[in-house]
Amino acid sequence: SCLKTHPPSPLSKVAFTHSDLNHNRSKSETLPQDLSTFVDDDDLKRRKKLWNVIKELIETEKAFLQDMRL
C-alpha cells in the first residue's frame, strides 16, 4: 500500500517549482527576448553545478558500462 501512495521525489518537486517560477517571470516580463538573456548569478551557479553533476554521472555511467563489457 505504501507503493500506491508514493510521493513524488523531492528532486522532481524542486524542478517543477523552479519551472513554475520561470514561467511566472516570463508572463510578467514585457519583452520575451530579454528573458532568455537575463539570468541571476545564483541561477547561473546552480545551473553550472547541475551541469557538472550530470557530466559526472554520464562519465561514471560510461566507465561502468565499459567495466561491464570487460
PDB file of N, CA and C in Angstrom:
ATOM      1  N   SER A   1       0.831  -1.211   0.000  1.00  0.00           N
ATOM      2  CA  SER A   1       0.000   0.000   0.000  1.00  0.00           C
ATOM      3  C   SER A   1       0.867   1.263   0.000  1.00  0.00           C
ATOM      4  N   CYS A   2       2.081   1.143   0.560  1.00  0.00           N
ATOM      5  CA  CYS A   2       2.969   2.314   0.606  1.00  0.00           C
ATOM      6  C   CYS A   2       3.451   2.672  -0.800  1.00  0.00           C
ATOM      7  N   LEU A   3       3.470   1.685  -1.710  1.00  0.00           N
ATOM      8  CA  LEU A   3       3.899   1.960  -3.080  1.00  0.00           C
ATOM      9  C   LEU A   3       2.847   2.799  -3.813  1.00  0.00           C
ATOM     10  N   LYS A   4       1.560   2.537  -3.500  1.00  0.00           N
ATOM     11  CA  LYS A   4       0.484   3.273  -4.162  1.00  0.00           C
ATOM     12  C   LYS A   4       0.520   4.753  -3.792  1.00  0.00           C
ATOM     13  N   THR A   5       0.767   5.024  -2.507  1.00  0.00           N
ATOM     14  CA  THR A   5       0.781   6.413  -2.043  1.00  0.00           C
ATOM     15  C   THR A   5       2.199   6.959  -2.022  1.00  0.00           C
ATOM     16  N   HIS A   6       2.978   6.596  -3.035  1.00  0.00           N
ATOM     17  CA  HIS A   6       4.371   7.045  -3.104  1.00  0.00           C
ATOM     18  C   HIS A   6       4.420   8.505  -3.536  1.00  0.00           C
ATOM     19  N   PRO A   7       4.989   9.385  -2.708  1.00  0.00           N
ATOM     20  CA  PRO A   7       5.061  10.803  -3.079  1.00  0.00           C
ATOM     21  C   PRO A   7       6.102  11.033  -4.169  1.00  0.00           C
ATOM     22  N   PRO A   8       5.934  12.088  -4.958  1.00  0.00           N
ATOM     23  CA  PRO A   8       6.949  12.393  -5.975  1.00  0.00           C
ATOM     24  C   PRO A   8       8.280  12.713  -5.319  1.00  0.00           C
ATOM     25  N   SER A   9       9.364  12.398  -5.987  1.00  0.00           N
ATOM     26  CA  SER A   9      10.685  12.644  -5.409  1.00  0.00           C
ATOM     27  C   SER A   9      10.892  14.138  -5.207  1.00  0.00           C
ATOM     28  N   PRO A  10      11.629  14.514  -4.158  1.00  0.00           N
ATOM     29  CA  PRO A  10      11.866  15.946  -3.903  1.00  0.00           C
ATOM     30  C   PRO A  10      12.529  16.650  -5.078  1.00  0.00           C
ATOM     31  N   LEU A  11      13.334  15.907  -5.828  1.00  0.00           N
ATOM     32  CA  LEU A  11      14.030  16.499  -6.971  1.00  0.00           C
ATOM     33  C   LEU A  11      13.027  16.969  -8.028  1.00  0.00           C
ATOM     34  N   SER A  12      12.059  16.096  -8.355  1.00  0.00           N
ATOM     35  CA  SER A  12      11.067  16.468  -9.359  1.00  0.00           C
ATOM     36  C   SER A  12      10.204  17.620  -8.858  1.00  0.00           C
ATOM     37  N   LYS A  13       9.952  17.641  -7.543  1.00  0.00           N
ATOM     38  CA  LYS A  13       9.170  18.722  -6.960  1.00  0.00           C
ATOM     39  C   LYS A  13       9.916  20.046  -7.123  1.00  0.00           C
ATOM     40  N   VAL A  14      11.219  20.014  -6.855  1.00  0.00           N
ATOM     41  CA  VAL A  14      12.057  21.212  -6.981  1.00  0.00           C
ATOM     42  C   VAL A  14      12.076  21.682  -8.431  1.00  0.00           C
ATOM     43  N   ALA A  15      12.254  20.750  -9.357  1.00  0.00           N
ATOM     44  CA  ALA A  15      12.298  21.095 -10.776  1.00  0.00           C
ATOM     45  C   ALA A  15      10.970  21.712 -11.208  1.00  0.00           C
ATOM     46  N   PHE A  16       9.878  21.156 -10.684  1.00  0.00           N
ATOM     47  CA  PHE A  16       8.547  21.647 -11.045  1.00  0.00           C
ATOM     48  C   PHE A  16       8.349  23.083 -10.566  1.00  0.00           C
ATOM     49  N   THR A  17       8.683  23.336  -9.298  1.00  0.00           N
ATOM     50  CA  THR A  17       8.505  24.683  -8.752  1.00  0.00           C
ATOM     51  C   THR A  17       9.431  25.667  -9.454  1.00  0.00           C
ATOM     52  N   HIS A  18      10.636  25.215  -9.800  1.00  0.00           N
ATOM     53  CA  HIS A  18      11.598  26.094 -10.477  1.00  0.00           C
ATOM     54  C   HIS A  18      11.070  26.500 -11.854  1.00  0.00           C
ATOM     55  N   SER A  19      10.527  25.543 -12.599  1.00  0.00           N
ATOM     56  CA  SER A  19       9.990  25.853 -13.921  1.00  0.00           C
ATOM     57  C   SER A  19       8.769  26.762 -13.789  1.00  0.00           C
ATOM     58  N   ASP A  20       8.007  26.573 -12.711  1.00  0.00           N
ATOM     59  CA  ASP A  20       6.864  27.441 -12.447  1.00  0.00           C
ATOM     60  C   ASP A  20       7.314  28.887 -12.257  1.00  0.00           C
ATOM     61  N   LEU A  21       8.395  29.060 -11.485  1.00  0.00           N
ATOM     62  CA  LEU A  21       8.934  30.396 -11.239  1.00  0.00           C
ATOM     63  C   LEU A  21       9.340  31.054 -12.548  1.00  0.00           C
ATOM     64  N   ASN A  22      10.029  30.310 -13.394  1.00  0.00           N
ATOM     65  CA  ASN A  22      10.467  30.846 -14.684  1.00  0.00           C
ATOM     66  C   ASN A  22       9.264  31.223 -15.547  1.00  0.00           C
ATOM     67  N   HIS A  23       8.231  30.385 -15.485  1.00  0.00           N
ATOM     68  CA  HIS A  23       7.025  30.621 -16.274  1.00  0.00           C
ATOM     69  C   HIS A  23       6.343  31.911 -15.826  1.00  0.00           C
ATOM     70  N   ASN A  24       6.235  32.087 -14.515  1.00  0.00           N
ATOM     71  CA  ASN A  24       5.619  33.294 -13.972  1.00  0.00           C
ATOM     72  C   ASN A  24       6.417  34.530 -14.359  1.00  0.00           C
ATOM     73  N   ARG A  25       7.725  34.404 -14.324  1.00  0.00           N
ATOM     74  CA  ARG A  25       8.593  35.532 -14.661  1.00  0.00           C
ATOM     75  C   ARG A  25       8.373  35.929 -16.129  1.00  0.00           C
ATOM     76  N   SER A  26       8.247  34.943 -17.004  1.00  0.00           N
ATOM     77  CA  SER A  26       8.088  35.230 -18.429  1.00  0.00           C
ATOM     78  C   SER A  26       6.762  35.940 -18.684  1.00  0.00           C
ATOM     79  N   LYS A  27       5.737  35.628 -17.872  1.00  0.00           N
ATOM     80  CA  LYS A  27       4.444  36.276 -18.041  1.00  0.00           C
ATOM     81  C   LYS A  27       4.509  37.746 -17.626  1.00  0.00           C
ATOM     82  N   SER A  28       5.231  38.016 -16.540  1.00  0.00           N
ATOM     83  CA  SER A  28       5.322  39.386 -16.028  1.00  0.00           C
ATOM     84  C   SER A  28       6.271  40.242 -16.874  1.00  0.00           C
ATOM     85  N   GLU A  29       7.214  39.592 -17.527  1.00  0.00           N
ATOM     86  CA  GLU A  29       8.182  40.319 -18.366  1.00  0.00           C
ATOM     87  C   GLU A  29       7.490  40.878 -19.617  1.00  0.00           C
ATOM     88  N   THR A  30       7.840  42.113 -19.989  1.00  0.00           N
ATOM     89  CA  THR A  30       7.190  42.733 -21.144  1.00  0.00           C
ATOM     90  C   THR A  30       7.832  42.274 -22.450  1.00  0.00           C
ATOM     91  N   LEU A  31       9.175  42.207 -22.466  1.00  0.00           N
ATOM     92  CA  LEU A  31       9.877  41.771 -23.667  1.00  0.00           C
ATOM     93  C   LEU A  31      10.409  40.353 -23.481  1.00  0.00           C
ATOM     94  N   PRO A  32       9.870  39.381 -24.242  1.00  0.00           N
ATOM     95  CA  PRO A  32      10.284  37.977 -24.083  1.00  0.00           C
ATOM     96  C   PRO A  32      11.762  37.747 -24.391  1.00  0.00           C
ATOM     97  N   GLN A  33      12.327  38.488 -25.354  1.00  0.00           N
ATOM     98  CA  GLN A  33      13.721  38.239 -25.732  1.00  0.00           C
ATOM     99  C   GLN A  33      14.682  38.642 -24.613  1.00  0.00           C
ATOM    100  N   ASP A  34      14.259  39.571 -23.746  1.00  0.00           N
ATOM    101  CA  ASP A  34      15.091  39.958 -22.608  1.00  0.00           C
ATOM    102  C   ASP A  34      15.244  38.796 -21.633  1.00  0.00           C
ATOM    103  N   LEU A  35      14.213  37.979 -21.559  1.00  0.00           N
ATOM    104  CA  LEU A  35      14.179  36.911 -20.571  1.00  0.00           C
ATOM    105  C   LEU A  35      15.270  35.879 -20.813  1.00  0.00           C
ATOM    106  N   SER A  36      15.496  35.534 -22.068  1.00  0.00           N
ATOM    107  CA  SER A  36      16.483  34.492 -22.368  1.00  0.00           C
ATOM    108  C   SER A  36      17.894  34.934 -22.005  1.00  0.00           C
ATOM    109  N   THR A  37      18.156  36.249 -22.089  1.00  0.00           N
ATOM    110  CA  THR A  37      19.496  36.740 -21.783  1.00  0.00           C
ATOM    111  C   THR A  37      19.667  37.009 -20.294  1.00  0.00           C
ATOM    112  N   PHE A  38      18.571  37.372 -19.616  1.00  0.00           N
ATOM    113  CA  PHE A  38      18.651  37.699 -18.188  1.00  0.00           C
ATOM    114  C   PHE A  38      18.650  36.434 -17.337  1.00  0.00           C
ATOM    115  N   VAL A  39      19.754  36.220 -16.616  1.00  0.00           N
ATOM    116  CA  VAL A  39      19.848  35.078 -15.702  1.00  0.00           C
ATOM    117  C   VAL A  39      20.508  35.552 -14.413  1.00  0.00           C
ATOM    118  N   ASP A  40      19.920  35.170 -13.275  1.00  0.00           N
ATOM    119  CA  ASP A  40      20.512  35.534 -11.980  1.00  0.00           C
ATOM    120  C   ASP A  40      21.863  34.856 -11.810  1.00  0.00           C
ATOM    121  N   ASP A  41      22.738  35.497 -11.050  1.00  0.00           N
ATOM    122  CA  ASP A  41      24.042  34.897 -10.757  1.00  0.00           C
ATOM    123  C   ASP A  41      23.868  33.570 -10.033  1.00  0.00           C
ATOM    124  N   ASP A  42      22.950  33.565  -9.056  1.00  0.00           N
ATOM    125  CA  ASP A  42      22.692  32.339  -8.302  1.00  0.00           C
ATOM    126  C   ASP A  42      22.180  31.244  -9.228  1.00  0.00           C
ATOM    127  N   ASP A  43      21.294  31.634 -10.137  1.00  0.00           N
ATOM    128  CA  ASP A  43      20.724  30.679 -11.079  1.00  0.00           C
ATOM    129  C   ASP A  43      21.817  30.092 -11.964  1.00  0.00           C
ATOM    130  N   LEU A  44      22.727  30.963 -12.407  1.00  0.00           N
ATOM    131  CA  LEU A  44      23.820  30.520 -13.269  1.00  0.00           C
ATOM    132  C   LEU A  44      24.712  29.530 -12.528  1.00  0.00           C
ATOM    133  N   LYS A  45      25.031  29.851 -11.271  1.00  0.00           N
ATOM    134  CA  LYS A  45      25.862  28.954 -10.459  1.00  0.00           C
ATOM    135  C   LYS A  45      25.178  27.607 -10.282  1.00  0.00           C
ATOM    136  N   ARG A  46      23.869  27.657 -10.009  1.00  0.00           N
ATOM    137  CA  ARG A  46      23.106  26.427  -9.808  1.00  0.00           C
ATOM    138  C   ARG A  46      23.126  25.579 -11.073  1.00  0.00           C
ATOM    139  N   ARG A  47      22.936  26.232 -12.219  1.00  0.00           N
ATOM    140  CA  ARG A  47      22.949  25.506 -13.498  1.00  0.00           C
ATOM    141  C   ARG A  47      24.307  24.876 -13.764  1.00  0.00           C
ATOM    142  N   LYS A  48      25.376  25.629 -13.472  1.00  0.00           N
ATOM    143  CA  LYS A  48      26.725  25.095 -13.675  1.00  0.00           C
ATOM    144  C   LYS A  48      26.956  23.888 -12.789  1.00  0.00           C
ATOM    145  N   LYS A  49      26.519  23.990 -11.528  1.00  0.00           N
ATOM    146  CA  LYS A  49      26.693  22.886 -10.582  1.00  0.00           C
ATOM    147  C   LYS A  49      25.930  21.658 -11.074  1.00  0.00           C
ATOM    148  N   LEU A  50      24.673  21.877 -11.491  1.00  0.00           N
ATOM    149  CA  LEU A  50      23.855  20.781 -12.009  1.00  0.00           C
ATOM    150  C   LEU A  50      24.517  20.161 -13.232  1.00  0.00           C
ATOM    151  N   TRP A  51      25.022  21.010 -14.116  1.00  0.00           N
ATOM    152  CA  TRP A  51      25.671  20.534 -15.329  1.00  0.00           C
ATOM    153  C   TRP A  51      26.856  19.644 -14.990  1.00  0.00           C
ATOM    154  N   ASN A  52      27.678  20.084 -14.001  1.00  0.00           N
ATOM    155  CA  ASN A  52      28.837  19.297 -13.586  1.00  0.00           C
ATOM    156  C   ASN A  52      28.409  17.954 -13.018  1.00  0.00           C
ATOM    157  N   VAL A  53      27.349  17.961 -12.221  1.00  0.00           N
ATOM    158  CA  VAL A  53      26.842  16.714 -11.633  1.00  0.00           C
ATOM    159  C   VAL A  53      26.389  15.765 -12.735  1.00  0.00           C
ATOM    160  N   ILE A  54      25.655  16.300 -13.703  1.00  0.00           N
ATOM    161  CA  ILE A  54      25.165  15.477 -14.814  1.00  0.00           C
ATOM    162  C   ILE A  54      26.333  14.907 -15.610  1.00  0.00           C
ATOM    163  N   LYS A  55      27.339  15.761 -15.876  1.00  0.00           N
ATOM    164  CA  LYS A  55      28.514  15.289 -16.617  1.00  0.00           C
ATOM    165  C   LYS A  55      29.209  14.160 -15.868  1.00  0.00           C
ATOM    166  N   GLU A  56      29.344  14.337 -14.542  1.00  0.00           N
ATOM    167  CA  GLU A  56      29.980  13.298 -13.728  1.00  0.00           C
ATOM    168  C   GLU A  56      29.192  11.999 -13.807  1.00  0.00           C
ATOM    169  N   LEU A  57      27.873  12.109 -13.724  1.00  0.00           N
ATOM    170  CA  LEU A  57      27.019  10.925 -13.804  1.00  0.00           C
ATOM    171  C   LEU A  57      27.222  10.206 -15.128  1.00  0.00           C
ATOM    172  N   ILE A  58      27.268  10.973 -16.212  1.00  0.00           N
ATOM    173  CA  ILE A  58      27.454  10.383 -17.541  1.00  0.00           C
ATOM    174  C   ILE A  58      28.812   9.693 -17.627  1.00  0.00           C
ATOM    175  N   GLU A  59      29.847  10.358 -17.117  1.00  0.00           N
ATOM    176  CA  GLU A  59      31.195   9.779 -17.153  1.00  0.00           C
ATOM    177  C   GLU A  59      31.252   8.470 -16.374  1.00  0.00           C
ATOM    178  N   THR A  60      30.682   8.470 -15.161  1.00  0.00           N
ATOM    179  CA  THR A  60      30.713   7.249 -14.342  1.00  0.00           C
ATOM    180  C   THR A  60      29.898   6.147 -15.001  1.00  0.00           C
ATOM    181  N   GLU A  61      28.799   6.528 -15.645  1.00  0.00           N
ATOM    182  CA  GLU A  61      27.976   5.535 -16.334  1.00  0.00           C
ATOM    183  C   GLU A  61      28.755   4.916 -17.489  1.00  0.00           C
ATOM    184  N   LYS A  62      29.468   5.747 -18.240  1.00  0.00           N
ATOM    185  CA  LYS A  62      30.288   5.245 -19.353  1.00  0.00           C
ATOM    186  C   LYS A  62      31.339   4.271 -18.833  1.00  0.00           C
ATOM    187  N   ALA A  63      32.027   4.669 -17.764  1.00  0.00           N
ATOM    188  CA  ALA A  63      33.060   3.814 -17.178  1.00  0.00           C
ATOM    189  C   ALA A  63      32.451   2.508 -16.693  1.00  0.00           C
ATOM    190  N   PHE A  64      31.269   2.607 -16.081  1.00  0.00           N
ATOM    191  CA  PHE A  64      30.592   1.414 -15.576  1.00  0.00           C
ATOM    192  C   PHE A  64      30.247   0.464 -16.719  1.00  0.00           C
ATOM    193  N   LEU A  65      29.718   1.009 -17.800  1.00  0.00           N
ATOM    194  CA  LEU A  65      29.354   0.180 -18.952  1.00  0.00           C
ATOM    195  C   LEU A  65      30.588  -0.482 -19.550  1.00  0.00           C
ATOM    196  N   GLN A  66      31.702   0.254 -19.600  1.00  0.00           N
ATOM    197  CA  GLN A  66      32.944  -0.316 -20.123  1.00  0.00           C
ATOM    198  C   GLN A  66      33.418  -1.453 -19.223  1.00  0.00           C
ATOM    199  N   ASP A  67      33.309  -1.253 -17.906  1.00  0.00           N
ATOM    200  CA  ASP A  67      33.690  -2.305 -16.958  1.00  0.00           C
ATOM    201  C   ASP A  67      32.828  -3.542 -17.149  1.00  0.00           C
ATOM    202  N   MET A  68      31.547  -3.335 -17.405  1.00  0.00           N
ATOM    203  CA  MET A  68      30.632  -4.457 -17.597  1.00  0.00           C
ATOM    204  C   MET A  68      31.023  -5.263 -18.838  1.00  0.00           C
ATOM    205  N   ARG A  69      31.482  -4.566 -19.879  1.00  0.00           N
ATOM    206  CA  ARG A  69      31.862  -5.242 -21.113  1.00  0.00           C
ATOM    207  C   ARG A  69      33.103  -6.096 -20.913  1.00  0.00           C
ATOM    208  N   LEU A  70      34.034  -5.626 -20.081  1.00  0.00           N
ATOM    209  CA  LEU A  70      35.296  -6.344 -19.889  1.00  0.00           C
ATOM    210  C   LEU A  70      35.123  -7.688 -19.189  1.00  0.00           C
TER     211      LEU A  70
END
